[in-house]
């Protein structure tokens, strides 16, 4: 098994805790499903949120999905002029036999425009 990293992002329609939880759960589930992963394959997850998101911690959604024994951390993205607003990003460190090229990075909705080169 190798240590790999898989990325993803989603743009929220509004800064509301329930909406954030739903969108982050959808993103995290898609990352796991598209890469054939389970919670046991997760080493750690970094969540970042743009500075305009204040309603909750994105990591709450992972805990609500039952990911309870994986280290999680939340951080704030840089406040760059012109950057896409209301975005939550995920960087998950995983154990996998897949090559880096075989990993599916997941960018949902409008967030797909952030990384057209790797979004699937």
PDB file of N, CA and C in Angstrom:
ATOM      1  N   UNK A   1       0.834  -1.189   0.000  1.00  0.00           N
ATOM      2  CA  UNK A   1       0.000   0.000   0.000  1.00  0.00           C
ATOM      3  C   UNK A   1       0.876   1.250   0.000  1.00  0.00           C
ATOM      4  N   UNK A   2       0.437   2.219  -0.761  1.00  0.00           N
ATOM      5  CA  UNK A   2       1.135   3.506  -0.819  1.00  0.00           C
ATOM      6  C   UNK A   2       0.270   4.583  -0.175  1.00  0.00           C
ATOM      7  N   UNK A   3       0.908   5.629   0.282  1.00  0.00           N
ATOM      8  CA  UNK A   3       0.184   6.803   0.764  1.00  0.00           C
ATOM      9  C   UNK A   3      -0.053   7.697  -0.432  1.00  0.00           C
ATOM     10  N   UNK A   4      -1.294   8.062  -0.648  1.00  0.00           N
ATOM     11  CA  UNK A   4      -1.689   8.929  -1.762  1.00  0.00           C
ATOM     12  C   UNK A   4      -2.525  10.088  -1.215  1.00  0.00           C
ATOM     13  N   UNK A   5      -2.762  11.065  -2.055  1.00  0.00           N
ATOM     14  CA  UNK A   5      -3.618  12.193  -1.700  1.00  0.00           C
ATOM     15  C   UNK A   5      -4.651  12.373  -2.798  1.00  0.00           C
ATOM     16  N   UNK A   6      -5.879  12.609  -2.387  1.00  0.00           N
ATOM     17  CA  UNK A   6      -6.954  12.851  -3.343  1.00  0.00           C
ATOM     18  C   UNK A   6      -7.640  14.154  -2.953  1.00  0.00           C
ATOM     19  N   UNK A   7      -8.004  14.930  -3.981  1.00  0.00           N
ATOM     20  CA  UNK A   7      -8.554  16.266  -3.754  1.00  0.00           C
ATOM     21  C   UNK A   7      -9.989  16.365  -4.201  1.00  0.00           C
ATOM     22  N   UNK A   8     -10.631  17.417  -3.726  1.00  0.00           N
ATOM     23  CA  UNK A   8     -11.983  17.717  -4.165  1.00  0.00           C
ATOM     24  C   UNK A   8     -12.418  19.075  -3.663  1.00  0.00           C
ATOM     25  N   UNK A   9     -13.489  19.585  -4.251  1.00  0.00           N
ATOM     26  CA  UNK A   9     -14.035  20.879  -3.838  1.00  0.00           C
ATOM     27  C   UNK A   9     -15.491  20.975  -4.248  1.00  0.00           C
ATOM     28  N   UNK A  10     -16.201  21.830  -3.534  1.00  0.00           N
ATOM     29  CA  UNK A  10     -17.596  22.127  -3.852  1.00  0.00           C
ATOM     30  C   UNK A  10     -17.855  23.587  -3.495  1.00  0.00           C
ATOM     31  N   UNK A  11     -18.665  24.243  -4.316  1.00  0.00           N
ATOM     32  CA  UNK A  11     -19.079  25.611  -4.010  1.00  0.00           C
ATOM     33  C   UNK A  11     -20.460  25.560  -3.380  1.00  0.00           C
ATOM     34  N   UNK A  12     -20.604  26.187  -2.228  1.00  0.00           N
ATOM     35  CA  UNK A  12     -21.896  26.245  -1.541  1.00  0.00           C
ATOM     36  C   UNK A  12     -22.753  27.362  -2.128  1.00  0.00           C
ATOM     37  N   UNK A  13     -24.043  27.152  -2.089  1.00  0.00           N
ATOM     38  CA  UNK A  13     -24.971  28.190  -2.545  1.00  0.00           C
ATOM     39  C   UNK A  13     -25.163  29.262  -1.483  1.00  0.00           C
ATOM     40  N   UNK A  14     -24.994  28.868  -0.213  1.00  0.00           N
ATOM     41  CA  UNK A  14     -25.185  29.805   0.893  1.00  0.00           C
ATOM     42  C   UNK A  14     -24.367  29.342   2.088  1.00  0.00           C
ATOM     43  N   UNK A  15     -24.096  30.251   2.987  1.00  0.00           N
ATOM     44  CA  UNK A  15     -23.359  29.924   4.206  1.00  0.00           C
ATOM     45  C   UNK A  15     -24.368  29.561   5.289  1.00  0.00           C
ATOM     46  N   UNK A  16     -24.755  28.310   5.296  1.00  0.00           N
ATOM     47  CA  UNK A  16     -25.727  27.787   6.262  1.00  0.00           C
ATOM     48  C   UNK A  16     -25.244  26.398   6.668  1.00  0.00           C
ATOM     49  N   UNK A  17     -25.245  26.117   7.971  1.00  0.00           N
ATOM     50  CA  UNK A  17     -24.640  24.883   8.491  1.00  0.00           C
ATOM     51  C   UNK A  17     -25.212  23.618   7.862  1.00  0.00           C
ATOM     52  N   UNK A  18     -26.523  23.522   7.744  1.00  0.00           N
ATOM     53  CA  UNK A  18     -27.140  22.329   7.162  1.00  0.00           C
ATOM     54  C   UNK A  18     -26.758  22.145   5.704  1.00  0.00           C
ATOM     55  N   UNK A  19     -26.734  23.236   4.967  1.00  0.00           N
ATOM     56  CA  UNK A  19     -26.348  23.181   3.555  1.00  0.00           C
ATOM     57  C   UNK A  19     -24.880  22.767   3.426  1.00  0.00           C
ATOM     58  N   UNK A  20     -24.018  23.333   4.281  1.00  0.00           N
ATOM     59  CA  UNK A  20     -22.613  22.956   4.249  1.00  0.00           C
ATOM     60  C   UNK A  20     -22.464  21.461   4.524  1.00  0.00           C
ATOM     61  N   UNK A  21     -23.134  20.966   5.542  1.00  0.00           N
ATOM     62  CA  UNK A  21     -23.044  19.541   5.874  1.00  0.00           C
ATOM     63  C   UNK A  21     -23.479  18.674   4.701  1.00  0.00           C
ATOM     64  N   UNK A  22     -24.588  19.016   4.080  1.00  0.00           N
ATOM     65  CA  UNK A  22     -25.095  18.230   2.942  1.00  0.00           C
ATOM     66  C   UNK A  22     -24.096  18.219   1.788  1.00  0.00           C
ATOM     67  N   UNK A  23     -23.560  19.388   1.456  1.00  0.00           N
ATOM     68  CA  UNK A  23     -22.647  19.493   0.316  1.00  0.00           C
ATOM     69  C   UNK A  23     -21.314  18.800   0.588  1.00  0.00           C
ATOM     70  N   UNK A  24     -20.805  18.934   1.802  1.00  0.00           N
ATOM     71  CA  UNK A  24     -19.532  18.299   2.137  1.00  0.00           C
ATOM     72  C   UNK A  24     -19.710  16.779   2.196  1.00  0.00           C
ATOM     73  N   UNK A  25     -20.831  16.315   2.712  1.00  0.00           N
ATOM     74  CA  UNK A  25     -21.108  14.869   2.713  1.00  0.00           C
ATOM     75  C   UNK A  25     -21.165  14.337   1.283  1.00  0.00           C
ATOM     76  N   UNK A  26     -21.829  15.074   0.409  1.00  0.00           N
ATOM     77  CA  UNK A  26     -21.918  14.664  -0.994  1.00  0.00           C
ATOM     78  C   UNK A  26     -20.523  14.598  -1.615  1.00  0.00           C
ATOM     79  N   UNK A  27     -19.692  15.592  -1.355  1.00  0.00           N
ATOM     80  CA  UNK A  27     -18.339  15.626  -1.896  1.00  0.00           C
ATOM     81  C   UNK A  27     -17.496  14.482  -1.341  1.00  0.00           C
ATOM     82  N   UNK A  28     -17.519  14.310  -0.046  1.00  0.00           N
ATOM     83  CA  UNK A  28     -16.708  13.262   0.568  1.00  0.00           C
ATOM     84  C   UNK A  28     -17.153  11.872   0.118  1.00  0.00           C
ATOM     85  N   UNK A  29     -18.447  11.665   0.019  1.00  0.00           N
ATOM     86  CA  UNK A  29     -18.980  10.388  -0.462  1.00  0.00           C
ATOM     87  C   UNK A  29     -18.549  10.128  -1.899  1.00  0.00           C
ATOM     88  N   UNK A  30     -18.591  11.151  -2.738  1.00  0.00           N
ATOM     89  CA  UNK A  30     -18.175  11.008  -4.135  1.00  0.00           C
ATOM     90  C   UNK A  30     -16.690  10.663  -4.224  1.00  0.00           C
ATOM     91  N   UNK A  31     -15.866  11.300  -3.397  1.00  0.00           N
ATOM     92  CA  UNK A  31     -14.425  10.999  -3.393  1.00  0.00           C
ATOM     93  C   UNK A  31     -14.196   9.536  -3.019  1.00  0.00           C
ATOM     94  N   UNK A  32     -14.874   9.075  -1.988  1.00  0.00           N
ATOM     95  CA  UNK A  32     -14.723   7.687  -1.553  1.00  0.00           C
ATOM     96  C   UNK A  32     -15.217   6.725  -2.623  1.00  0.00           C
ATOM     97  N   UNK A  33     -16.420   6.974  -3.132  1.00  0.00           N
ATOM     98  CA  UNK A  33     -17.019   6.071  -4.121  1.00  0.00           C
ATOM     99  C   UNK A  33     -16.204   5.981  -5.404  1.00  0.00           C
ATOM    100  N   UNK A  34     -15.805   7.123  -5.939  1.00  0.00           N
ATOM    101  CA  UNK A  34     -15.088   7.136  -7.224  1.00  0.00           C
ATOM    102  C   UNK A  34     -13.694   6.516  -7.136  1.00  0.00           C
ATOM    103  N   UNK A  35     -13.185   6.420  -5.915  1.00  0.00           N
ATOM    104  CA  UNK A  35     -11.858   5.845  -5.737  1.00  0.00           C
ATOM    105  C   UNK A  35     -11.894   4.473  -5.060  1.00  0.00           C
ATOM    106  N   UNK A  36     -13.097   3.934  -4.871  1.00  0.00           N
ATOM    107  CA  UNK A  36     -13.231   2.620  -4.262  1.00  0.00           C
ATOM    108  C   UNK A  36     -12.677   2.556  -2.848  1.00  0.00           C
ATOM    109  N   UNK A  37     -12.884   3.623  -2.089  1.00  0.00           N
ATOM    110  CA  UNK A  37     -12.333   3.738  -0.744  1.00  0.00           C
ATOM    111  C   UNK A  37     -13.397   3.549   0.328  1.00  0.00           C
ATOM    112  N   UNK A  38     -12.942   3.163   1.502  1.00  0.00           N
ATOM    113  CA  UNK A  38     -13.785   3.144   2.690  1.00  0.00           C
ATOM    114  C   UNK A  38     -13.109   4.024   3.741  1.00  0.00           C
ATOM    115  N   UNK A  39     -13.774   4.237   4.846  1.00  0.00           N
ATOM    116  CA  UNK A  39     -13.190   5.032   5.924  1.00  0.00           C
ATOM    117  C   UNK A  39     -11.893   4.409   6.432  1.00  0.00           C
ATOM    118  N   UNK A  40     -11.761   3.095   6.357  1.00  0.00           N
ATOM    119  CA  UNK A  40     -10.532   2.428   6.800  1.00  0.00           C
ATOM    120  C   UNK A  40      -9.324   2.793   5.946  1.00  0.00           C
ATOM    121  N   UNK A  41      -9.542   3.262   4.725  1.00  0.00           N
ATOM    122  CA  UNK A  41      -8.445   3.658   3.839  1.00  0.00           C
ATOM    123  C   UNK A  41      -7.949   5.076   4.106  1.00  0.00           C
ATOM    124  N   UNK A  42      -8.690   5.832   4.888  1.00  0.00           N
ATOM    125  CA  UNK A  42      -8.347   7.229   5.157  1.00  0.00           C
ATOM    126  C   UNK A  42      -7.277   7.329   6.234  1.00  0.00           C
ATOM    127  N   UNK A  43      -6.276   8.157   5.976  1.00  0.00           N
ATOM    128  CA  UNK A  43      -5.240   8.448   6.961  1.00  0.00           C
ATOM    129  C   UNK A  43      -5.596   9.740   7.696  1.00  0.00           C
ATOM    130  N   UNK A  44      -5.906  10.783   6.945  1.00  0.00           N
ATOM    131  CA  UNK A  44      -6.306  12.071   7.508  1.00  0.00           C
ATOM    132  C   UNK A  44      -6.976  12.887   6.412  1.00  0.00           C
ATOM    133  N   UNK A  45      -7.718  13.909   6.837  1.00  0.00           N
ATOM    134  CA  UNK A  45      -8.384  14.798   5.876  1.00  0.00           C
ATOM    135  C   UNK A  45      -8.190  16.244   6.319  1.00  0.00           C
ATOM    136  N   UNK A  46      -7.735  17.060   5.359  1.00  0.00           N
ATOM    137  CA  UNK A  46      -7.682  18.516   5.535  1.00  0.00           C
ATOM    138  C   UNK A  46      -8.897  19.102   4.835  1.00  0.00           C
ATOM    139  N   UNK A  47      -9.620  19.934   5.526  1.00  0.00           N
ATOM    140  CA  UNK A  47     -10.725  20.695   4.937  1.00  0.00           C
ATOM    141  C   UNK A  47     -10.322  22.157   4.971  1.00  0.00           C
ATOM    142  N   UNK A  48     -10.554  22.861   3.879  1.00  0.00           N
ATOM    143  CA  UNK A  48     -10.396  24.310   3.910  1.00  0.00           C
ATOM    144  C   UNK A  48     -11.699  24.936   3.449  1.00  0.00           C
ATOM    145  N   UNK A  49     -11.917  26.142   3.918  1.00  0.00           N
ATOM    146  CA  UNK A  49     -13.104  26.906   3.532  1.00  0.00           C
ATOM    147  C   UNK A  49     -12.670  28.329   3.219  1.00  0.00           C
ATOM    148  N   UNK A  50     -13.329  28.917   2.249  1.00  0.00           N
ATOM    149  CA  UNK A  50     -13.024  30.311   1.921  1.00  0.00           C
ATOM    150  C   UNK A  50     -13.441  31.204   3.094  1.00  0.00           C
ATOM    151  N   UNK A  51     -12.837  32.379   3.215  1.00  0.00           N
ATOM    152  CA  UNK A  51     -13.077  33.246   4.373  1.00  0.00           C
ATOM    153  C   UNK A  51     -14.520  33.714   4.543  1.00  0.00           C
ATOM    154  N   UNK A  52     -15.355  33.529   3.530  1.00  0.00           N
ATOM    155  CA  UNK A  52     -16.752  33.960   3.632  1.00  0.00           C
ATOM    156  C   UNK A  52     -17.660  32.889   4.234  1.00  0.00           C
ATOM    157  N   UNK A  53     -17.110  31.754   4.628  1.00  0.00           N
ATOM    158  CA  UNK A  53     -17.894  30.685   5.254  1.00  0.00           C
ATOM    159  C   UNK A  53     -17.650  30.678   6.760  1.00  0.00           C
ATOM    160  N   UNK A  54     -18.734  30.843   7.534  1.00  0.00           N
ATOM    161  CA  UNK A  54     -18.644  30.967   8.988  1.00  0.00           C
ATOM    162  C   UNK A  54     -19.618  30.061   9.736  1.00  0.00           C
ATOM    163  N   UNK A  55     -20.503  29.383   9.040  1.00  0.00           N
ATOM    164  CA  UNK A  55     -21.622  28.706   9.700  1.00  0.00           C
ATOM    165  C   UNK A  55     -21.244  27.443  10.464  1.00  0.00           C
ATOM    166  N   UNK A  56     -20.186  26.744  10.049  1.00  0.00           N
ATOM    167  CA  UNK A  56     -19.810  25.506  10.725  1.00  0.00           C
ATOM    168  C   UNK A  56     -18.440  25.043  10.240  1.00  0.00           C
ATOM    169  N   UNK A  57     -17.935  24.030  10.894  1.00  0.00           N
ATOM    170  CA  UNK A  57     -16.696  23.392  10.464  1.00  0.00           C
ATOM    171  C   UNK A  57     -17.036  22.327   9.428  1.00  0.00           C
ATOM    172  N   UNK A  58     -16.374  22.296   8.274  1.00  0.00           N
ATOM    173  CA  UNK A  58     -16.654  21.254   7.282  1.00  0.00           C
ATOM    174  C   UNK A  58     -16.436  19.835   7.825  1.00  0.00           C
ATOM    175  N   UNK A  59     -15.521  19.680   8.765  1.00  0.00           N
ATOM    176  CA  UNK A  59     -15.228  18.354   9.314  1.00  0.00           C
ATOM    177  C   UNK A  59     -16.433  17.740  10.034  1.00  0.00           C
ATOM    178  N   UNK A  60     -17.362  18.559  10.473  1.00  0.00           N
ATOM    179  CA  UNK A  60     -18.570  18.038  11.127  1.00  0.00           C
ATOM    180  C   UNK A  60     -19.285  17.051  10.215  1.00  0.00           C
ATOM    181  N   UNK A  61     -19.305  17.335   8.922  1.00  0.00           N
ATOM    182  CA  UNK A  61     -19.984  16.458   7.960  1.00  0.00           C
ATOM    183  C   UNK A  61     -19.343  15.078   7.922  1.00  0.00           C
ATOM    184  N   UNK A  62     -18.020  15.013   8.006  1.00  0.00           N
ATOM    185  CA  UNK A  62     -17.324  13.716   8.010  1.00  0.00           C
ATOM    186  C   UNK A  62     -17.710  12.916   9.247  1.00  0.00           C
ATOM    187  N   UNK A  63     -17.755  13.578  10.374  1.00  0.00           N
ATOM    188  CA  UNK A  63     -18.152  12.889  11.612  1.00  0.00           C
ATOM    189  C   UNK A  63     -19.590  12.375  11.492  1.00  0.00           C
ATOM    190  N   UNK A  64     -20.462  13.172  10.885  1.00  0.00           N
ATOM    191  CA  UNK A  64     -21.852  12.748  10.697  1.00  0.00           C
ATOM    192  C   UNK A  64     -21.962  11.556   9.754  1.00  0.00           C
ATOM    193  N   UNK A  65     -20.986  11.382   8.848  1.00  0.00           N
ATOM    194  CA  UNK A  65     -20.954  10.221   7.958  1.00  0.00           C
ATOM    195  C   UNK A  65     -20.403   8.973   8.659  1.00  0.00           C
ATOM    196  N   UNK A  66     -19.940   9.138   9.890  1.00  0.00           N
ATOM    197  CA  UNK A  66     -19.398   8.007  10.628  1.00  0.00           C
ATOM    198  C   UNK A  66     -17.890   7.896  10.572  1.00  0.00           C
ATOM    199  N   UNK A  67     -17.234   8.893  10.020  1.00  0.00           N
ATOM    200  CA  UNK A  67     -15.764   8.902   9.973  1.00  0.00           C
ATOM    201  C   UNK A  67     -15.294   9.495  11.298  1.00  0.00           C
ATOM    202  N   UNK A  68     -15.101   8.613  12.276  1.00  0.00           N
ATOM    203  CA  UNK A  68     -14.859   9.072  13.641  1.00  0.00           C
ATOM    204  C   UNK A  68     -13.449   8.799  14.153  1.00  0.00           C
ATOM    205  N   UNK A  69     -12.695   7.911  13.483  1.00  0.00           N
ATOM    206  CA  UNK A  69     -11.359   7.580  13.978  1.00  0.00           C
ATOM    207  C   UNK A  69     -10.260   8.033  13.016  1.00  0.00           C
ATOM    208  N   UNK A  70     -10.559   9.046  12.228  1.00  0.00           N
ATOM    209  CA  UNK A  70      -9.612   9.615  11.266  1.00  0.00           C
ATOM    210  C   UNK A  70      -9.314  11.055  11.703  1.00  0.00           C
ATOM    211  N   UNK A  71      -8.053  11.444  11.789  1.00  0.00           N
ATOM    212  CA  UNK A  71      -7.741  12.831  12.131  1.00  0.00           C
ATOM    213  C   UNK A  71      -8.259  13.790  11.047  1.00  0.00           C
ATOM    214  N   UNK A  72      -8.954  14.813  11.490  1.00  0.00           N
ATOM    215  CA  UNK A  72      -9.517  15.830  10.598  1.00  0.00           C
ATOM    216  C   UNK A  72      -9.053  17.196  11.081  1.00  0.00           C
ATOM    217  N   UNK A  73      -8.855  18.105  10.137  1.00  0.00           N
ATOM    218  CA  UNK A  73      -8.515  19.475  10.505  1.00  0.00           C
ATOM    219  C   UNK A  73      -9.157  20.430   9.510  1.00  0.00           C
ATOM    220  N   UNK A  74      -9.554  21.580  10.007  1.00  0.00           N
ATOM    221  CA  UNK A  74     -10.138  22.622   9.156  1.00  0.00           C
ATOM    222  C   UNK A  74      -9.218  23.839   9.171  1.00  0.00           C
ATOM    223  N   UNK A  75      -9.150  24.497   8.026  1.00  0.00           N
ATOM    224  CA  UNK A  75      -8.342  25.706   7.900  1.00  0.00           C
ATOM    225  C   UNK A  75      -9.041  26.665   6.945  1.00  0.00           C
ATOM    226  N   UNK A  76      -8.602  27.898   6.968  1.00  0.00           N
ATOM    227  CA  UNK A  76      -9.178  28.908   6.082  1.00  0.00           C
ATOM    228  C   UNK A  76      -8.283  29.084   4.859  1.00  0.00           C
ATOM    229  N   UNK A  77      -8.922  29.154   3.694  1.00  0.00           N
ATOM    230  CA  UNK A  77      -8.206  29.437   2.449  1.00  0.00           C
ATOM    231  C   UNK A  77      -7.691  30.873   2.480  1.00  0.00           C
ATOM    232  N   UNK A  78      -6.721  31.159   1.648  1.00  0.00           N
ATOM    233  CA  UNK A  78      -6.251  32.533   1.489  1.00  0.00           C
ATOM    234  C   UNK A  78      -7.370  33.404   0.939  1.00  0.00           C
ATOM    235  N   UNK A  79      -7.399  34.637   1.366  1.00  0.00           N
ATOM    236  CA  UNK A  79      -8.406  35.591   0.903  1.00  0.00           C
ATOM    237  C   UNK A  79      -7.858  36.328  -0.314  1.00  0.00           C
ATOM    238  N   UNK A  80      -8.028  35.707  -1.484  1.00  0.00           N
ATOM    239  CA  UNK A  80      -7.481  36.244  -2.726  1.00  0.00           C
ATOM    240  C   UNK A  80      -8.579  36.980  -3.500  1.00  0.00           C
ATOM    241  N   UNK A  81      -8.300  38.193  -3.913  1.00  0.00           N
ATOM    242  CA  UNK A  81      -9.272  38.974  -4.683  1.00  0.00           C
ATOM    243  C   UNK A  81      -9.662  38.209  -5.952  1.00  0.00           C
ATOM    244  N   UNK A  82     -10.953  38.103  -6.197  1.00  0.00           N
ATOM    245  CA  UNK A  82     -11.456  37.450  -7.397  1.00  0.00           C
ATOM    246  C   UNK A  82     -11.606  35.945  -7.293  1.00  0.00           C
ATOM    247  N   UNK A  83     -11.222  35.366  -6.155  1.00  0.00           N
ATOM    248  CA  UNK A  83     -11.346  33.920  -5.989  1.00  0.00           C
ATOM    249  C   UNK A  83     -12.826  33.527  -5.883  1.00  0.00           C
ATOM    250  N   UNK A  84     -13.120  32.284  -6.273  1.00  0.00           N
ATOM    251  CA  UNK A  84     -14.483  31.778  -6.180  1.00  0.00           C
ATOM    252  C   UNK A  84     -14.952  31.807  -4.718  1.00  0.00           C
ATOM    253  N   UNK A  85     -16.137  32.362  -4.465  1.00  0.00           N
ATOM    254  CA  UNK A  85     -16.636  32.424  -3.089  1.00  0.00           C
ATOM    255  C   UNK A  85     -17.273  31.107  -2.637  1.00  0.00           C
ATOM    256  N   UNK A  86     -17.409  30.963  -1.321  1.00  0.00           N
ATOM    257  CA  UNK A  86     -18.152  29.872  -0.666  1.00  0.00           C
ATOM    258  C   UNK A  86     -17.683  28.481  -1.107  1.00  0.00           C
ATOM    259  N   UNK A  87     -16.374  28.253  -1.075  1.00  0.00           N
ATOM    260  CA  UNK A  87     -15.824  26.974  -1.519  1.00  0.00           C
ATOM    261  C   UNK A  87     -15.235  26.206  -0.332  1.00  0.00           C
ATOM    262  N   UNK A  88     -15.597  24.936  -0.261  1.00  0.00           N
ATOM    263  CA  UNK A  88     -14.971  24.002   0.679  1.00  0.00           C
ATOM    264  C   UNK A  88     -14.111  23.053  -0.146  1.00  0.00           C
ATOM    265  N   UNK A  89     -12.866  22.896   0.281  1.00  0.00           N
ATOM    266  CA  UNK A  89     -11.940  21.987  -0.386  1.00  0.00           C
ATOM    267  C   UNK A  89     -11.553  20.861   0.564  1.00  0.00           C
ATOM    268  N   UNK A  90     -11.240  19.711  -0.032  1.00  0.00           N
ATOM    269  CA  UNK A  90     -10.804  18.545   0.733  1.00  0.00           C
ATOM    270  C   UNK A  90      -9.476  18.067   0.159  1.00  0.00           C
ATOM    271  N   UNK A  91      -8.560  17.728   1.053  1.00  0.00           N
ATOM    272  CA  UNK A  91      -7.333  17.022   0.701  1.00  0.00           C
ATOM    273  C   UNK A  91      -7.283  15.811   1.628  1.00  0.00           C
ATOM    274  N   UNK A  92      -7.565  14.644   1.072  1.00  0.00           N
ATOM    275  CA  UNK A  92      -7.595  13.415   1.869  1.00  0.00           C
ATOM    276  C   UNK A  92      -6.347  12.598   1.610  1.00  0.00           C
ATOM    277  N   UNK A  93      -5.669  12.218   2.676  1.00  0.00           N
ATOM    278  CA  UNK A  93      -4.520  11.317   2.587  1.00  0.00           C
ATOM    279  C   UNK A  93      -5.058   9.910   2.782  1.00  0.00           C
ATOM    280  N   UNK A  94      -4.672   9.015   1.870  1.00  0.00           N
ATOM    281  CA  UNK A  94      -5.244   7.669   1.855  1.00  0.00           C
ATOM    282  C   UNK A  94      -4.156   6.616   1.708  1.00  0.00           C
ATOM    283  N   UNK A  95      -4.511   5.384   2.045  1.00  0.00           N
ATOM    284  CA  UNK A  95      -3.698   4.224   1.702  1.00  0.00           C
ATOM    285  C   UNK A  95      -4.380   3.565   0.518  1.00  0.00           C
ATOM    286  N   UNK A  96      -3.607   3.327  -0.548  1.00  0.00           N
ATOM    287  CA  UNK A  96      -4.205   2.764  -1.759  1.00  0.00           C
ATOM    288  C   UNK A  96      -3.161   2.067  -2.608  1.00  0.00           C
ATOM    289  N   UNK A  97      -3.597   1.044  -3.322  1.00  0.00           N
ATOM    290  CA  UNK A  97      -2.747   0.386  -4.314  1.00  0.00           C
ATOM    291  C   UNK A  97      -2.822   1.090  -5.663  1.00  0.00           C
ATOM    292  N   UNK A  98      -3.741   2.052  -5.816  1.00  0.00           N
ATOM    293  CA  UNK A  98      -3.877   2.779  -7.076  1.00  0.00           C
ATOM    294  C   UNK A  98      -2.676   3.678  -7.311  1.00  0.00           C
ATOM    295  N   UNK A  99      -2.347   3.858  -8.576  1.00  0.00           N
ATOM    296  CA  UNK A  99      -1.306   4.815  -8.917  1.00  0.00           C
ATOM    297  C   UNK A  99      -1.879   6.231  -8.791  1.00  0.00           C
ATOM    298  N   UNK A 100      -1.014   7.211  -8.756  1.00  0.00           N
ATOM    299  CA  UNK A 100      -1.476   8.599  -8.694  1.00  0.00           C
ATOM    300  C   UNK A 100      -2.372   8.916  -9.889  1.00  0.00           C
ATOM    301  N   UNK A 101      -2.020   8.401 -11.052  1.00  0.00           N
ATOM    302  CA  UNK A 101      -2.775   8.672 -12.277  1.00  0.00           C
ATOM    303  C   UNK A 101      -4.171   8.045 -12.248  1.00  0.00           C
ATOM    304  N   UNK A 102      -4.364   7.018 -11.432  1.00  0.00           N
ATOM    305  CA  UNK A 102      -5.658   6.341 -11.373  1.00  0.00           C
ATOM    306  C   UNK A 102      -6.606   6.920 -10.334  1.00  0.00           C
ATOM    307  N   UNK A 103      -6.172   7.919  -9.591  1.00  0.00           N
ATOM    308  CA  UNK A 103      -7.040   8.532  -8.591  1.00  0.00           C
ATOM    309  C   UNK A 103      -8.018   9.489  -9.262  1.00  0.00           C
ATOM    310  N   UNK A 104      -9.227   9.545  -8.732  1.00  0.00           N
ATOM    311  CA  UNK A 104     -10.247  10.469  -9.225  1.00  0.00           C
ATOM    312  C   UNK A 104     -10.395  11.624  -8.245  1.00  0.00           C
ATOM    313  N   UNK A 105     -10.048  12.809  -8.695  1.00  0.00           N
ATOM    314  CA  UNK A 105     -10.236  14.020  -7.906  1.00  0.00           C
ATOM    315  C   UNK A 105     -11.612  14.557  -8.264  1.00  0.00           C
ATOM    316  N   UNK A 106     -12.372  14.975  -7.260  1.00  0.00           N
ATOM    317  CA  UNK A 106     -13.782  15.288  -7.457  1.00  0.00           C
ATOM    318  C   UNK A 106     -14.054  16.769  -7.190  1.00  0.00           C
ATOM    319  N   UNK A 107     -14.523  17.451  -8.210  1.00  0.00           N
ATOM    320  CA  UNK A 107     -14.890  18.862  -8.108  1.00  0.00           C
ATOM    321  C   UNK A 107     -16.345  18.966  -8.546  1.00  0.00           C
ATOM    322  N   UNK A 108     -17.229  19.246  -7.598  1.00  0.00           N
ATOM    323  CA  UNK A 108     -18.666  19.242  -7.870  1.00  0.00           C
ATOM    324  C   UNK A 108     -19.176  20.624  -8.275  1.00  0.00           C
ATOM    325  N   UNK A 109     -20.166  20.620  -9.148  1.00  0.00           N
ATOM    326  CA  UNK A 109     -20.822  21.857  -9.560  1.00  0.00           C
ATOM    327  C   UNK A 109     -19.847  22.871 -10.114  1.00  0.00           C
ATOM    328  N   UNK A 110     -20.046  24.128  -9.733  1.00  0.00           N
ATOM    329  CA  UNK A 110     -19.215  25.219 -10.244  1.00  0.00           C
ATOM    330  C   UNK A 110     -17.751  25.063  -9.863  1.00  0.00           C
ATOM    331  N   UNK A 111     -17.468  24.309  -8.799  1.00  0.00           N
ATOM    332  CA  UNK A 111     -16.083  24.116  -8.368  1.00  0.00           C
ATOM    333  C   UNK A 111     -15.257  23.352  -9.408  1.00  0.00           C
ATOM    334  N   UNK A 112     -15.915  22.694 -10.343  1.00  0.00           N
ATOM    335  CA  UNK A 112     -15.180  21.973 -11.410  1.00  0.00           C
ATOM    336  C   UNK A 112     -14.281  22.928 -12.189  1.00  0.00           C
ATOM    337  N   UNK A 113     -14.643  24.197 -12.255  1.00  0.00           N
ATOM    338  CA  UNK A 113     -13.829  25.159 -12.991  1.00  0.00           C
ATOM    339  C   UNK A 113     -12.522  25.488 -12.288  1.00  0.00           C
ATOM    340  N   UNK A 114     -12.386  25.102 -11.013  1.00  0.00           N
ATOM    341  CA  UNK A 114     -11.161  25.385 -10.285  1.00  0.00           C
ATOM    342  C   UNK A 114      -9.985  24.569 -10.784  1.00  0.00           C
ATOM    343  N   UNK A 115     -10.247  23.340 -11.194  1.00  0.00           N
ATOM    344  CA  UNK A 115      -9.172  22.442 -11.647  1.00  0.00           C
ATOM    345  C   UNK A 115      -9.666  21.616 -12.825  1.00  0.00           C
ATOM    346  N   UNK A 116      -9.857  22.266 -13.952  1.00  0.00           N
ATOM    347  CA  UNK A 116     -10.315  21.571 -15.141  1.00  0.00           C
ATOM    348  C   UNK A 116      -9.334  20.482 -15.582  1.00  0.00           C
ATOM    349  N   UNK A 117      -8.080  20.630 -15.185  1.00  0.00           N
ATOM    350  CA  UNK A 117      -7.064  19.660 -15.581  1.00  0.00           C
ATOM    351  C   UNK A 117      -7.196  18.315 -14.859  1.00  0.00           C
ATOM    352  N   UNK A 118      -7.805  18.296 -13.636  1.00  0.00           N
ATOM    353  CA  UNK A 118      -7.916  17.034 -12.913  1.00  0.00           C
ATOM    354  C   UNK A 118      -9.336  16.690 -12.493  1.00  0.00           C
ATOM    355  N   UNK A 119     -10.269  17.615 -12.607  1.00  0.00           N
ATOM    356  CA  UNK A 119     -11.651  17.342 -12.192  1.00  0.00           C
ATOM    357  C   UNK A 119     -12.264  16.261 -13.055  1.00  0.00           C
ATOM    358  N   UNK A 120     -12.982  15.349 -12.397  1.00  0.00           N
ATOM    359  CA  UNK A 120     -13.643  14.254 -13.132  1.00  0.00           C
ATOM    360  C   UNK A 120     -15.104  14.204 -12.773  1.00  0.00           C
TER     361      UNK A 120
END
